[in-house]
Amino acid sequence: MGLVPGFSKAKQHALHQNRGIFGEFLVDLNEAVTPDYFFMDAVMGMEGPGPGRGIPVKIGLLLGSTNPLILDLTASKIAGYEPLVIPTSKTAFFRKRWLQSEEDIIYDGPEITI
């Protein structure tokens, strides 16, 4: 959803106001579209009441993966969050579409310190 411009993105937020339902929508979207590569701009992040009223935080990273769930799990750990409390990650993990177990993750980036 990050690359979707303008009101199309805002409309989806309005239609899926419950975090769990929005998480399911995002996983459904990724299953339907099936991109080959997933890119996360983590140069600046946001803490607090998102998606529009949070506090900007400098992170200074660009992340990428051929697996959307592994990308989100890794980014969550870098940000200091328990990955499976995030609705999209929880939904995708329990569907076992992209990952059977966290032990299956192969990470070849710099050391993650929390």
PDB file of N, CA and C in Angstrom:
ATOM      1  N   MET A   1       0.822  -1.205   0.000  1.00  0.00           N
ATOM      2  CA  MET A   1       0.000   0.000   0.000  1.00  0.00           C
ATOM      3  C   MET A   1       0.856   1.255   0.000  1.00  0.00           C
ATOM      4  N   GLY A   2       2.125   1.158   0.347  1.00  0.00           N
ATOM      5  CA  GLY A   2       2.963   2.337   0.455  1.00  0.00           C
ATOM      6  C   GLY A   2       3.128   3.105  -0.836  1.00  0.00           C
ATOM      7  N   LEU A   3       3.039   2.443  -1.971  1.00  0.00           N
ATOM      8  CA  LEU A   3       3.210   3.123  -3.251  1.00  0.00           C
ATOM      9  C   LEU A   3       1.898   3.555  -3.879  1.00  0.00           C
ATOM     10  N   VAL A   4       0.778   3.282  -3.233  1.00  0.00           N
ATOM     11  CA  VAL A   4      -0.524   3.664  -3.777  1.00  0.00           C
ATOM     12  C   VAL A   4      -0.724   5.159  -3.529  1.00  0.00           C
ATOM     13  N   PRO A   5      -0.938   5.946  -4.592  1.00  0.00           N
ATOM     14  CA  PRO A   5      -1.034   7.392  -4.431  1.00  0.00           C
ATOM     15  C   PRO A   5      -2.412   7.871  -3.983  1.00  0.00           C
ATOM     16  N   GLY A   6      -2.414   9.042  -3.372  1.00  0.00           N
ATOM     17  CA  GLY A   6      -3.619   9.828  -3.128  1.00  0.00           C
ATOM     18  C   GLY A   6      -4.738   9.155  -2.374  1.00  0.00           C
ATOM     19  N   PHE A   7      -5.952   9.410  -2.865  1.00  0.00           N
ATOM     20  CA  PHE A   7      -7.154   9.014  -2.145  1.00  0.00           C
ATOM     21  C   PHE A   7      -7.445   7.520  -2.192  1.00  0.00           C
ATOM     22  N   SER A   8      -6.872   6.790  -3.143  1.00  0.00           N
ATOM     23  CA  SER A   8      -7.093   5.347  -3.186  1.00  0.00           C
ATOM     24  C   SER A   8      -6.598   4.694  -1.901  1.00  0.00           C
ATOM     25  N   LYS A   9      -5.450   5.141  -1.427  1.00  0.00           N
ATOM     26  CA  LYS A   9      -4.876   4.621  -0.184  1.00  0.00           C
ATOM     27  C   LYS A   9      -5.729   5.044   1.012  1.00  0.00           C
ATOM     28  N   ALA A  10      -6.095   6.310   1.062  1.00  0.00           N
ATOM     29  CA  ALA A  10      -6.913   6.814   2.173  1.00  0.00           C
ATOM     30  C   ALA A  10      -8.263   6.106   2.224  1.00  0.00           C
ATOM     31  N   LYS A  11      -8.824   5.801   1.054  1.00  0.00           N
ATOM     32  CA  LYS A  11     -10.116   5.110   0.991  1.00  0.00           C
ATOM     33  C   LYS A  11     -10.033   3.739   1.663  1.00  0.00           C
ATOM     34  N   GLN A  12      -8.934   3.017   1.432  1.00  0.00           N
ATOM     35  CA  GLN A  12      -8.781   1.697   2.046  1.00  0.00           C
ATOM     36  C   GLN A  12      -8.664   1.800   3.566  1.00  0.00           C
ATOM     37  N   HIS A  13      -7.975   2.833   4.044  1.00  0.00           N
ATOM     38  CA  HIS A  13      -7.908   3.051   5.493  1.00  0.00           C
ATOM     39  C   HIS A  13      -9.304   3.329   6.052  1.00  0.00           C
ATOM     40  N   ALA A  14     -10.100   4.088   5.325  1.00  0.00           N
ATOM     41  CA  ALA A  14     -11.461   4.405   5.775  1.00  0.00           C
ATOM     42  C   ALA A  14     -12.365   3.179   5.750  1.00  0.00           C
ATOM     43  N   LEU A  15     -12.198   2.334   4.733  1.00  0.00           N
ATOM     44  CA  LEU A  15     -13.024   1.131   4.618  1.00  0.00           C
ATOM     45  C   LEU A  15     -12.662   0.063   5.637  1.00  0.00           C
ATOM     46  N   HIS A  16     -11.414   0.037   6.076  1.00  0.00           N
ATOM     47  CA  HIS A  16     -10.923  -1.003   6.980  1.00  0.00           C
ATOM     48  C   HIS A  16     -10.381  -0.352   8.259  1.00  0.00           C
ATOM     49  N   GLN A  17     -11.256   0.236   9.050  1.00  0.00           N
ATOM     50  CA  GLN A  17     -10.818   0.998  10.220  1.00  0.00           C
ATOM     51  C   GLN A  17     -10.347   0.123  11.376  1.00  0.00           C
ATOM     52  N   ASN A  18     -10.813  -1.097  11.460  1.00  0.00           N
ATOM     53  CA  ASN A  18     -10.369  -2.029  12.490  1.00  0.00           C
ATOM     54  C   ASN A  18      -8.993  -2.558  12.100  1.00  0.00           C
ATOM     55  N   ARG A  19      -8.022  -2.511  13.028  1.00  0.00           N
ATOM     56  CA  ARG A  19      -6.645  -2.928  12.722  1.00  0.00           C
ATOM     57  C   ARG A  19      -6.558  -4.365  12.229  1.00  0.00           C
ATOM     58  N   GLY A  20      -7.321  -5.256  12.838  1.00  0.00           N
ATOM     59  CA  GLY A  20      -7.287  -6.658  12.425  1.00  0.00           C
ATOM     60  C   GLY A  20      -7.817  -6.854  11.021  1.00  0.00           C
ATOM     61  N   ILE A  21      -8.922  -6.195  10.710  1.00  0.00           N
ATOM     62  CA  ILE A  21      -9.518  -6.310   9.375  1.00  0.00           C
ATOM     63  C   ILE A  21      -8.613  -5.660   8.331  1.00  0.00           C
ATOM     64  N   PHE A  22      -7.992  -4.526   8.678  1.00  0.00           N
ATOM     65  CA  PHE A  22      -7.060  -3.885   7.750  1.00  0.00           C
ATOM     66  C   PHE A  22      -5.855  -4.789   7.503  1.00  0.00           C
ATOM     67  N   GLY A  23      -5.378  -5.448   8.550  1.00  0.00           N
ATOM     68  CA  GLY A  23      -4.274  -6.392   8.402  1.00  0.00           C
ATOM     69  C   GLY A  23      -4.630  -7.525   7.461  1.00  0.00           C
ATOM     70  N   GLU A  24      -5.842  -8.072   7.605  1.00  0.00           N
ATOM     71  CA  GLU A  24      -6.290  -9.141   6.704  1.00  0.00           C
ATOM     72  C   GLU A  24      -6.387  -8.640   5.268  1.00  0.00           C
ATOM     73  N   PHE A  25      -6.880  -7.399   5.095  1.00  0.00           N
ATOM     74  CA  PHE A  25      -6.964  -6.812   3.757  1.00  0.00           C
ATOM     75  C   PHE A  25      -5.579  -6.719   3.116  1.00  0.00           C
ATOM     76  N   LEU A  26      -4.577  -6.264   3.861  1.00  0.00           N
ATOM     77  CA  LEU A  26      -3.231  -6.127   3.300  1.00  0.00           C
ATOM     78  C   LEU A  26      -2.631  -7.476   2.917  1.00  0.00           C
ATOM     79  N   VAL A  27      -2.875  -8.500   3.726  1.00  0.00           N
ATOM     80  CA  VAL A  27      -2.384  -9.841   3.388  1.00  0.00           C
ATOM     81  C   VAL A  27      -3.116 -10.360   2.149  1.00  0.00           C
ATOM     82  N   ASP A  28      -4.429 -10.157   2.091  1.00  0.00           N
ATOM     83  CA  ASP A  28      -5.198 -10.554   0.902  1.00  0.00           C
ATOM     84  C   ASP A  28      -4.651  -9.860  -0.342  1.00  0.00           C
ATOM     85  N   LEU A  29      -4.338  -8.576  -0.234  1.00  0.00           N
ATOM     86  CA  LEU A  29      -3.805  -7.809  -1.359  1.00  0.00           C
ATOM     87  C   LEU A  29      -2.473  -8.400  -1.835  1.00  0.00           C
ATOM     88  N   ASN A  30      -1.594  -8.732  -0.893  1.00  0.00           N
ATOM     89  CA  ASN A  30      -0.305  -9.315  -1.259  1.00  0.00           C
ATOM     90  C   ASN A  30      -0.458 -10.707  -1.870  1.00  0.00           C
ATOM     91  N   GLU A  31      -1.447 -11.454  -1.439  1.00  0.00           N
ATOM     92  CA  GLU A  31      -1.688 -12.768  -2.041  1.00  0.00           C
ATOM     93  C   GLU A  31      -2.238 -12.630  -3.461  1.00  0.00           C
ATOM     94  N   ALA A  32      -3.015 -11.586  -3.699  1.00  0.00           N
ATOM     95  CA  ALA A  32      -3.626 -11.399  -5.017  1.00  0.00           C
ATOM     96  C   ALA A  32      -2.665 -10.793  -6.033  1.00  0.00           C
ATOM     97  N   VAL A  33      -1.838  -9.857  -5.612  1.00  0.00           N
ATOM     98  CA  VAL A  33      -0.975  -9.129  -6.536  1.00  0.00           C
ATOM     99  C   VAL A  33       0.336  -9.872  -6.792  1.00  0.00           C
ATOM    100  N   THR A  34       0.873 -10.520  -5.806  1.00  0.00           N
ATOM    101  CA  THR A  34       2.114 -11.312  -5.849  1.00  0.00           C
ATOM    102  C   THR A  34       3.304 -10.612  -6.517  1.00  0.00           C
ATOM    103  N   PRO A  35       3.773  -9.514  -5.946  1.00  0.00           N
ATOM    104  CA  PRO A  35       4.991  -8.880  -6.472  1.00  0.00           C
ATOM    105  C   PRO A  35       6.193  -9.815  -6.322  1.00  0.00           C
ATOM    106  N   ASP A  36       7.244  -9.545  -7.089  1.00  0.00           N
ATOM    107  CA  ASP A  36       8.461 -10.356  -7.013  1.00  0.00           C
ATOM    108  C   ASP A  36       9.410  -9.874  -5.927  1.00  0.00           C
ATOM    109  N   TYR A  37       9.309  -8.593  -5.564  1.00  0.00           N
ATOM    110  CA  TYR A  37      10.248  -8.031  -4.587  1.00  0.00           C
ATOM    111  C   TYR A  37       9.530  -6.994  -3.745  1.00  0.00           C
ATOM    112  N   PHE A  38       9.870  -6.937  -2.490  1.00  0.00           N
ATOM    113  CA  PHE A  38       9.248  -6.030  -1.542  1.00  0.00           C
ATOM    114  C   PHE A  38      10.316  -5.100  -0.992  1.00  0.00           C
ATOM    115  N   PHE A  39      10.039  -3.824  -1.017  1.00  0.00           N
ATOM    116  CA  PHE A  39      11.000  -2.790  -0.623  1.00  0.00           C
ATOM    117  C   PHE A  39      10.389  -1.954   0.492  1.00  0.00           C
ATOM    118  N   MET A  40      11.149  -1.709   1.545  1.00  0.00           N
ATOM    119  CA  MET A  40      10.671  -0.890   2.658  1.00  0.00           C
ATOM    120  C   MET A  40      11.611   0.287   2.861  1.00  0.00           C
ATOM    121  N   ASP A  41      11.059   1.470   2.739  1.00  0.00           N
ATOM    122  CA  ASP A  41      11.789   2.699   3.004  1.00  0.00           C
ATOM    123  C   ASP A  41      11.683   2.949   4.507  1.00  0.00           C
ATOM    124  N   ALA A  42      12.769   2.689   5.203  1.00  0.00           N
ATOM    125  CA  ALA A  42      12.800   2.914   6.647  1.00  0.00           C
ATOM    126  C   ALA A  42      13.801   4.014   6.990  1.00  0.00           C
ATOM    127  N   VAL A  43      13.946   4.983   6.080  1.00  0.00           N
ATOM    128  CA  VAL A  43      14.819   6.121   6.352  1.00  0.00           C
ATOM    129  C   VAL A  43      14.220   6.920   7.503  1.00  0.00           C
ATOM    130  N   MET A  44      12.919   7.193   7.407  1.00  0.00           N
ATOM    131  CA  MET A  44      12.183   7.841   8.494  1.00  0.00           C
ATOM    132  C   MET A  44      11.007   6.947   8.866  1.00  0.00           C
ATOM    133  N   GLY A  45      10.771   6.802  10.146  1.00  0.00           N
ATOM    134  CA  GLY A  45       9.636   6.035  10.626  1.00  0.00           C
ATOM    135  C   GLY A  45       8.689   6.938  11.389  1.00  0.00           C
ATOM    136  N   MET A  46       7.724   6.331  12.041  1.00  0.00           N
ATOM    137  CA  MET A  46       6.754   7.100  12.809  1.00  0.00           C
ATOM    138  C   MET A  46       6.399   6.328  14.068  1.00  0.00           C
ATOM    139  N   GLU A  47       6.363   7.034  15.175  1.00  0.00           N
ATOM    140  CA  GLU A  47       5.910   6.447  16.432  1.00  0.00           C
ATOM    141  C   GLU A  47       4.655   7.169  16.882  1.00  0.00           C
ATOM    142  N   GLY A  48       3.797   6.429  17.552  1.00  0.00           N
ATOM    143  CA  GLY A  48       2.600   7.048  18.102  1.00  0.00           C
ATOM    144  C   GLY A  48       1.395   6.862  17.213  1.00  0.00           C
ATOM    145  N   PRO A  49       0.465   7.835  17.258  1.00  0.00           N
ATOM    146  CA  PRO A  49      -0.836   7.677  16.595  1.00  0.00           C
ATOM    147  C   PRO A  49      -0.765   7.831  15.082  1.00  0.00           C
ATOM    148  N   GLY A  50      -0.421   6.759  14.396  1.00  0.00           N
ATOM    149  CA  GLY A  50      -0.384   6.785  12.939  1.00  0.00           C
ATOM    150  C   GLY A  50      -1.771   6.568  12.375  1.00  0.00           C
ATOM    151  N   PRO A  51      -1.979   6.616  11.097  1.00  0.00           N
ATOM    152  CA  PRO A  51      -0.927   6.761  10.111  1.00  0.00           C
ATOM    153  C   PRO A  51      -0.519   8.204   9.828  1.00  0.00           C
ATOM    154  N   GLY A  52      -1.210   9.192  10.357  1.00  0.00           N
ATOM    155  CA  GLY A  52      -0.880  10.559   9.982  1.00  0.00           C
ATOM    156  C   GLY A  52      -0.479  11.497  11.087  1.00  0.00           C
ATOM    157  N   ARG A  53      -0.588  11.083  12.347  1.00  0.00           N
ATOM    158  CA  ARG A  53      -0.328  12.021  13.441  1.00  0.00           C
ATOM    159  C   ARG A  53       0.804  11.572  14.352  1.00  0.00           C
ATOM    160  N   GLY A  54       1.650  10.690  13.856  1.00  0.00           N
ATOM    161  CA  GLY A  54       2.739  10.174  14.675  1.00  0.00           C
ATOM    162  C   GLY A  54       3.920  11.129  14.735  1.00  0.00           C
ATOM    163  N   ILE A  55       4.904  10.739  15.510  1.00  0.00           N
ATOM    164  CA  ILE A  55       6.126  11.518  15.681  1.00  0.00           C
ATOM    165  C   ILE A  55       7.195  10.910  14.767  1.00  0.00           C
ATOM    166  N   PRO A  56       7.782  11.719  13.854  1.00  0.00           N
ATOM    167  CA  PRO A  56       8.823  11.192  12.971  1.00  0.00           C
ATOM    168  C   PRO A  56      10.054  10.740  13.759  1.00  0.00           C
ATOM    169  N   VAL A  57      10.628   9.604  13.348  1.00  0.00           N
ATOM    170  CA  VAL A  57      11.814   9.054  13.981  1.00  0.00           C
ATOM    171  C   VAL A  57      12.798   8.656  12.877  1.00  0.00           C
ATOM    172  N   LYS A  58      14.043   9.118  12.989  1.00  0.00           N
ATOM    173  CA  LYS A  58      15.053   8.745  11.993  1.00  0.00           C
ATOM    174  C   LYS A  58      15.509   7.310  12.263  1.00  0.00           C
ATOM    175  N   ILE A  59      15.407   6.455  11.243  1.00  0.00           N
ATOM    176  CA  ILE A  59      15.853   5.072  11.342  1.00  0.00           C
ATOM    177  C   ILE A  59      17.091   4.867  10.474  1.00  0.00           C
ATOM    178  N   GLY A  60      17.055   5.364   9.252  1.00  0.00           N
ATOM    179  CA  GLY A  60      18.218   5.318   8.380  1.00  0.00           C
ATOM    180  C   GLY A  60      18.459   4.000   7.679  1.00  0.00           C
ATOM    181  N   LEU A  61      17.374   3.274   7.334  1.00  0.00           N
ATOM    182  CA  LEU A  61      17.530   1.975   6.675  1.00  0.00           C
ATOM    183  C   LEU A  61      16.687   1.872   5.413  1.00  0.00           C
ATOM    184  N   LEU A  62      17.154   1.060   4.499  1.00  0.00           N
ATOM    185  CA  LEU A  62      16.365   0.584   3.376  1.00  0.00           C
ATOM    186  C   LEU A  62      16.387  -0.933   3.487  1.00  0.00           C
ATOM    187  N   LEU A  63      15.222  -1.553   3.408  1.00  0.00           N
ATOM    188  CA  LEU A  63      15.120  -3.000   3.566  1.00  0.00           C
ATOM    189  C   LEU A  63      14.452  -3.590   2.330  1.00  0.00           C
ATOM    190  N   GLY A  64      14.828  -4.804   1.971  1.00  0.00           N
ATOM    191  CA  GLY A  64      14.208  -5.464   0.842  1.00  0.00           C
ATOM    192  C   GLY A  64      14.224  -6.969   1.003  1.00  0.00           C
ATOM    193  N   SER A  65      13.260  -7.632   0.347  1.00  0.00           N
ATOM    194  CA  SER A  65      13.168  -9.083   0.424  1.00  0.00           C
ATOM    195  C   SER A  65      12.252  -9.589  -0.690  1.00  0.00           C
ATOM    196  N   THR A  66      12.422 -10.826  -1.054  1.00  0.00           N
ATOM    197  CA  THR A  66      11.478 -11.480  -1.954  1.00  0.00           C
ATOM    198  C   THR A  66      10.289 -12.037  -1.174  1.00  0.00           C
ATOM    199  N   ASN A  67      10.322 -11.918   0.151  1.00  0.00           N
ATOM    200  CA  ASN A  67       9.285 -12.465   1.027  1.00  0.00           C
ATOM    201  C   ASN A  67       8.712 -11.341   1.889  1.00  0.00           C
ATOM    202  N   PRO A  68       7.439 -10.970   1.682  1.00  0.00           N
ATOM    203  CA  PRO A  68       6.877  -9.838   2.418  1.00  0.00           C
ATOM    204  C   PRO A  68       6.782 -10.069   3.926  1.00  0.00           C
ATOM    205  N   LEU A  69       6.502 -11.281   4.332  1.00  0.00           N
ATOM    206  CA  LEU A  69       6.370 -11.561   5.755  1.00  0.00           C
ATOM    207  C   LEU A  69       7.720 -11.479   6.458  1.00  0.00           C
ATOM    208  N   ILE A  70       8.748 -12.046   5.856  1.00  0.00           N
ATOM    209  CA  ILE A  70      10.076 -11.968   6.461  1.00  0.00           C
ATOM    210  C   ILE A  70      10.528 -10.517   6.547  1.00  0.00           C
ATOM    211  N   LEU A  71      10.227  -9.723   5.536  1.00  0.00           N
ATOM    212  CA  LEU A  71      10.565  -8.298   5.572  1.00  0.00           C
ATOM    213  C   LEU A  71       9.886  -7.619   6.762  1.00  0.00           C
ATOM    214  N   ASP A  72       8.597  -7.853   6.944  1.00  0.00           N
ATOM    215  CA  ASP A  72       7.870  -7.229   8.048  1.00  0.00           C
ATOM    216  C   ASP A  72       8.343  -7.733   9.412  1.00  0.00           C
ATOM    217  N   LEU A  73       8.608  -9.042   9.525  1.00  0.00           N
ATOM    218  CA  LEU A  73       9.093  -9.579  10.797  1.00  0.00           C
ATOM    219  C   LEU A  73      10.440  -8.958  11.163  1.00  0.00           C
ATOM    220  N   THR A  74      11.327  -8.841  10.189  1.00  0.00           N
ATOM    221  CA  THR A  74      12.651  -8.264  10.429  1.00  0.00           C
ATOM    222  C   THR A  74      12.537  -6.795  10.802  1.00  0.00           C
ATOM    223  N   ALA A  75      11.721  -6.043  10.067  1.00  0.00           N
ATOM    224  CA  ALA A  75      11.541  -4.616  10.372  1.00  0.00           C
ATOM    225  C   ALA A  75      10.939  -4.427  11.765  1.00  0.00           C
ATOM    226  N   SER A  76      10.016  -5.290  12.142  1.00  0.00           N
ATOM    227  CA  SER A  76       9.407  -5.205  13.477  1.00  0.00           C
ATOM    228  C   SER A  76      10.448  -5.404  14.564  1.00  0.00           C
ATOM    229  N   LYS A  77      11.312  -6.383  14.370  1.00  0.00           N
ATOM    230  CA  LYS A  77      12.365  -6.637  15.355  1.00  0.00           C
ATOM    231  C   LYS A  77      13.324  -5.451  15.450  1.00  0.00           C
ATOM    232  N   ILE A  78      13.683  -4.870  14.302  1.00  0.00           N
ATOM    233  CA  ILE A  78      14.560  -3.699  14.305  1.00  0.00           C
ATOM    234  C   ILE A  78      13.906  -2.553  15.076  1.00  0.00           C
ATOM    235  N   ALA A  79      12.602  -2.394  14.908  1.00  0.00           N
ATOM    236  CA  ALA A  79      11.875  -1.311  15.587  1.00  0.00           C
ATOM    237  C   ALA A  79      11.590  -1.627  17.057  1.00  0.00           C
ATOM    238  N   GLY A  80      11.887  -2.852  17.475  1.00  0.00           N
ATOM    239  CA  GLY A  80      11.671  -3.213  18.869  1.00  0.00           C
ATOM    240  C   GLY A  80      10.273  -3.706  19.206  1.00  0.00           C
ATOM    241  N   TYR A  81       9.542  -4.157  18.182  1.00  0.00           N
ATOM    242  CA  TYR A  81       8.191  -4.670  18.391  1.00  0.00           C
ATOM    243  C   TYR A  81       8.192  -6.187  18.337  1.00  0.00           C
ATOM    244  N   GLU A  82       7.303  -6.792  19.083  1.00  0.00           N
ATOM    245  CA  GLU A  82       7.041  -8.223  18.963  1.00  0.00           C
ATOM    246  C   GLU A  82       6.266  -8.396  17.660  1.00  0.00           C
ATOM    247  N   PRO A  83       6.845  -9.058  16.659  1.00  0.00           N
ATOM    248  CA  PRO A  83       6.230  -9.093  15.328  1.00  0.00           C
ATOM    249  C   PRO A  83       4.806  -9.623  15.267  1.00  0.00           C
ATOM    250  N   LEU A  84       4.478 -10.621  16.058  1.00  0.00           N
ATOM    251  CA  LEU A  84       3.170 -11.242  15.908  1.00  0.00           C
ATOM    252  C   LEU A  84       2.046 -10.522  16.634  1.00  0.00           C
ATOM    253  N   VAL A  85       2.330  -9.357  17.220  1.00  0.00           N
ATOM    254  CA  VAL A  85       1.227  -8.533  17.741  1.00  0.00           C
ATOM    255  C   VAL A  85       0.763  -7.541  16.673  1.00  0.00           C
ATOM    256  N   ILE A  86       1.493  -7.460  15.558  1.00  0.00           N
ATOM    257  CA  ILE A  86       1.120  -6.593  14.443  1.00  0.00           C
ATOM    258  C   ILE A  86       0.156  -7.377  13.554  1.00  0.00           C
ATOM    259  N   PRO A  87      -1.056  -6.839  13.324  1.00  0.00           N
ATOM    260  CA  PRO A  87      -2.102  -7.616  12.638  1.00  0.00           C
ATOM    261  C   PRO A  87      -1.701  -8.209  11.294  1.00  0.00           C
ATOM    262  N   THR A  88      -0.983  -7.465  10.444  1.00  0.00           N
ATOM    263  CA  THR A  88      -0.608  -8.032   9.145  1.00  0.00           C
ATOM    264  C   THR A  88       0.337  -9.207   9.308  1.00  0.00           C
ATOM    265  N   SER A  89       1.311  -9.069  10.179  1.00  0.00           N
ATOM    266  CA  SER A  89       2.278 -10.151  10.399  1.00  0.00           C
ATOM    267  C   SER A  89       1.598 -11.367  11.014  1.00  0.00           C
ATOM    268  N   LYS A  90       0.743 -11.127  11.973  1.00  0.00           N
ATOM    269  CA  LYS A  90       0.035 -12.237  12.634  1.00  0.00           C
ATOM    270  C   LYS A  90      -0.832 -13.003  11.627  1.00  0.00           C
ATOM    271  N   THR A  91      -1.605 -12.268  10.821  1.00  0.00           N
ATOM    272  CA  THR A  91      -2.466 -12.909   9.824  1.00  0.00           C
ATOM    273  C   THR A  91      -1.643 -13.716   8.826  1.00  0.00           C
ATOM    274  N   ALA A  92      -0.585 -13.084   8.274  1.00  0.00           N
ATOM    275  CA  ALA A  92       0.243 -13.766   7.274  1.00  0.00           C
ATOM    276  C   ALA A  92       0.947 -14.982   7.871  1.00  0.00           C
ATOM    277  N   PHE A  93       1.451 -14.851   9.093  1.00  0.00           N
ATOM    278  CA  PHE A  93       2.173 -15.957   9.721  1.00  0.00           C
ATOM    279  C   PHE A  93       1.258 -17.167   9.923  1.00  0.00           C
ATOM    280  N   PHE A  94       0.039 -16.929  10.398  1.00  0.00           N
ATOM    281  CA  PHE A  94      -0.857 -18.053  10.672  1.00  0.00           C
ATOM    282  C   PHE A  94      -1.484 -18.637   9.404  1.00  0.00           C
ATOM    283  N   ARG A  95      -1.466 -17.899   8.310  1.00  0.00           N
ATOM    284  CA  ARG A  95      -1.897 -18.474   7.030  1.00  0.00           C
ATOM    285  C   ARG A  95      -0.817 -19.377   6.437  1.00  0.00           C
ATOM    286  N   LYS A  96       0.418 -19.223   6.895  1.00  0.00           N
ATOM    287  CA  LYS A  96       1.564 -20.020   6.437  1.00  0.00           C
ATOM    288  C   LYS A  96       1.751 -19.947   4.920  1.00  0.00           C
ATOM    289  N   ARG A  97       1.464 -18.782   4.359  1.00  0.00           N
ATOM    290  CA  ARG A  97       1.602 -18.568   2.910  1.00  0.00           C
ATOM    291  C   ARG A  97       3.063 -18.333   2.525  1.00  0.00           C
ATOM    292  N   TRP A  98       3.781 -17.560   3.324  1.00  0.00           N
ATOM    293  CA  TRP A  98       5.147 -17.188   2.989  1.00  0.00           C
ATOM    294  C   TRP A  98       6.184 -17.781   3.919  1.00  0.00           C
ATOM    295  N   LEU A  99       5.742 -18.358   5.030  1.00  0.00           N
ATOM    296  CA  LEU A  99       6.694 -18.819   6.033  1.00  0.00           C
ATOM    297  C   LEU A  99       6.024 -19.859   6.913  1.00  0.00           C
ATOM    298  N   GLN A 100       6.696 -20.973   7.112  1.00  0.00           N
ATOM    299  CA  GLN A 100       6.152 -22.020   7.967  1.00  0.00           C
ATOM    300  C   GLN A 100       6.512 -21.802   9.431  1.00  0.00           C
ATOM    301  N   SER A 101       7.719 -21.271   9.676  1.00  0.00           N
ATOM    302  CA  SER A 101       8.214 -21.088  11.033  1.00  0.00           C
ATOM    303  C   SER A 101       9.247 -19.956  11.026  1.00  0.00           C
ATOM    304  N   GLU A 102       9.358 -19.221  12.120  1.00  0.00           N
ATOM    305  CA  GLU A 102      10.366 -18.157  12.202  1.00  0.00           C
ATOM    306  C   GLU A 102      11.785 -18.718  12.058  1.00  0.00           C
ATOM    307  N   GLU A 103      11.979 -19.979  12.389  1.00  0.00           N
ATOM    308  CA  GLU A 103      13.292 -20.604  12.256  1.00  0.00           C
ATOM    309  C   GLU A 103      13.716 -20.738  10.787  1.00  0.00           C
ATOM    310  N   ASP A 104      12.773 -20.608   9.859  1.00  0.00           N
ATOM    311  CA  ASP A 104      13.080 -20.722   8.436  1.00  0.00           C
ATOM    312  C   ASP A 104      13.657 -19.435   7.834  1.00  0.00           C
ATOM    313  N   ILE A 105      13.735 -18.374   8.611  1.00  0.00           N
ATOM    314  CA  ILE A 105      14.220 -17.091   8.105  1.00  0.00           C
ATOM    315  C   ILE A 105      15.724 -17.140   7.919  1.00  0.00           C
ATOM    316  N   ILE A 106      16.152 -16.741   6.733  1.00  0.00           N
ATOM    317  CA  ILE A 106      17.582 -16.590   6.451  1.00  0.00           C
ATOM    318  C   ILE A 106      17.835 -15.096   6.332  1.00  0.00           C
ATOM    319  N   TYR A 107      18.621 -14.543   7.236  1.00  0.00           N
ATOM    320  CA  TYR A 107      18.903 -13.111   7.276  1.00  0.00           C
ATOM    321  C   TYR A 107      20.387 -12.907   7.022  1.00  0.00           C
ATOM    322  N   ASP A 108      20.732 -12.069   6.029  1.00  0.00           N
ATOM    323  CA  ASP A 108      22.139 -11.858   5.724  1.00  0.00           C
ATOM    324  C   ASP A 108      22.535 -10.379   5.782  1.00  0.00           C
ATOM    325  N   GLY A 109      21.832  -9.610   6.589  1.00  0.00           N
ATOM    326  CA  GLY A 109      22.143  -8.197   6.748  1.00  0.00           C
ATOM    327  C   GLY A 109      23.007  -7.954   7.972  1.00  0.00           C
ATOM    328  N   PRO A 110      23.183  -6.683   8.322  1.00  0.00           N
ATOM    329  CA  PRO A 110      23.971  -6.354   9.513  1.00  0.00           C
ATOM    330  C   PRO A 110      23.278  -6.860  10.774  1.00  0.00           C
ATOM    331  N   GLU A 111      24.035  -6.985  11.840  1.00  0.00           N
ATOM    332  CA  GLU A 111      23.481  -7.481  13.108  1.00  0.00           C
ATOM    333  C   GLU A 111      22.353  -6.575  13.574  1.00  0.00           C
ATOM    334  N   ILE A 112      21.273  -7.187  14.018  1.00  0.00           N
ATOM    335  CA  ILE A 112      20.119  -6.436  14.536  1.00  0.00           C
ATOM    336  C   ILE A 112      20.294  -6.316  16.041  1.00  0.00           C
ATOM    337  N   THR A 113      20.377  -5.088  16.516  1.00  0.00           N
ATOM    338  CA  THR A 113      20.439  -4.844  17.948  1.00  0.00           C
ATOM    339  C   THR A 113      19.209  -4.054  18.363  1.00  0.00           C
ATOM    340  N   ILE A 114      18.588  -4.501  19.407  1.00  0.00           N
ATOM    341  CA  ILE A 114      17.376  -3.849  19.885  1.00  0.00           C
ATOM    342  C   ILE A 114      17.656  -3.165  21.206  1.00  0.00           C
TER     343      ILE A 114
END
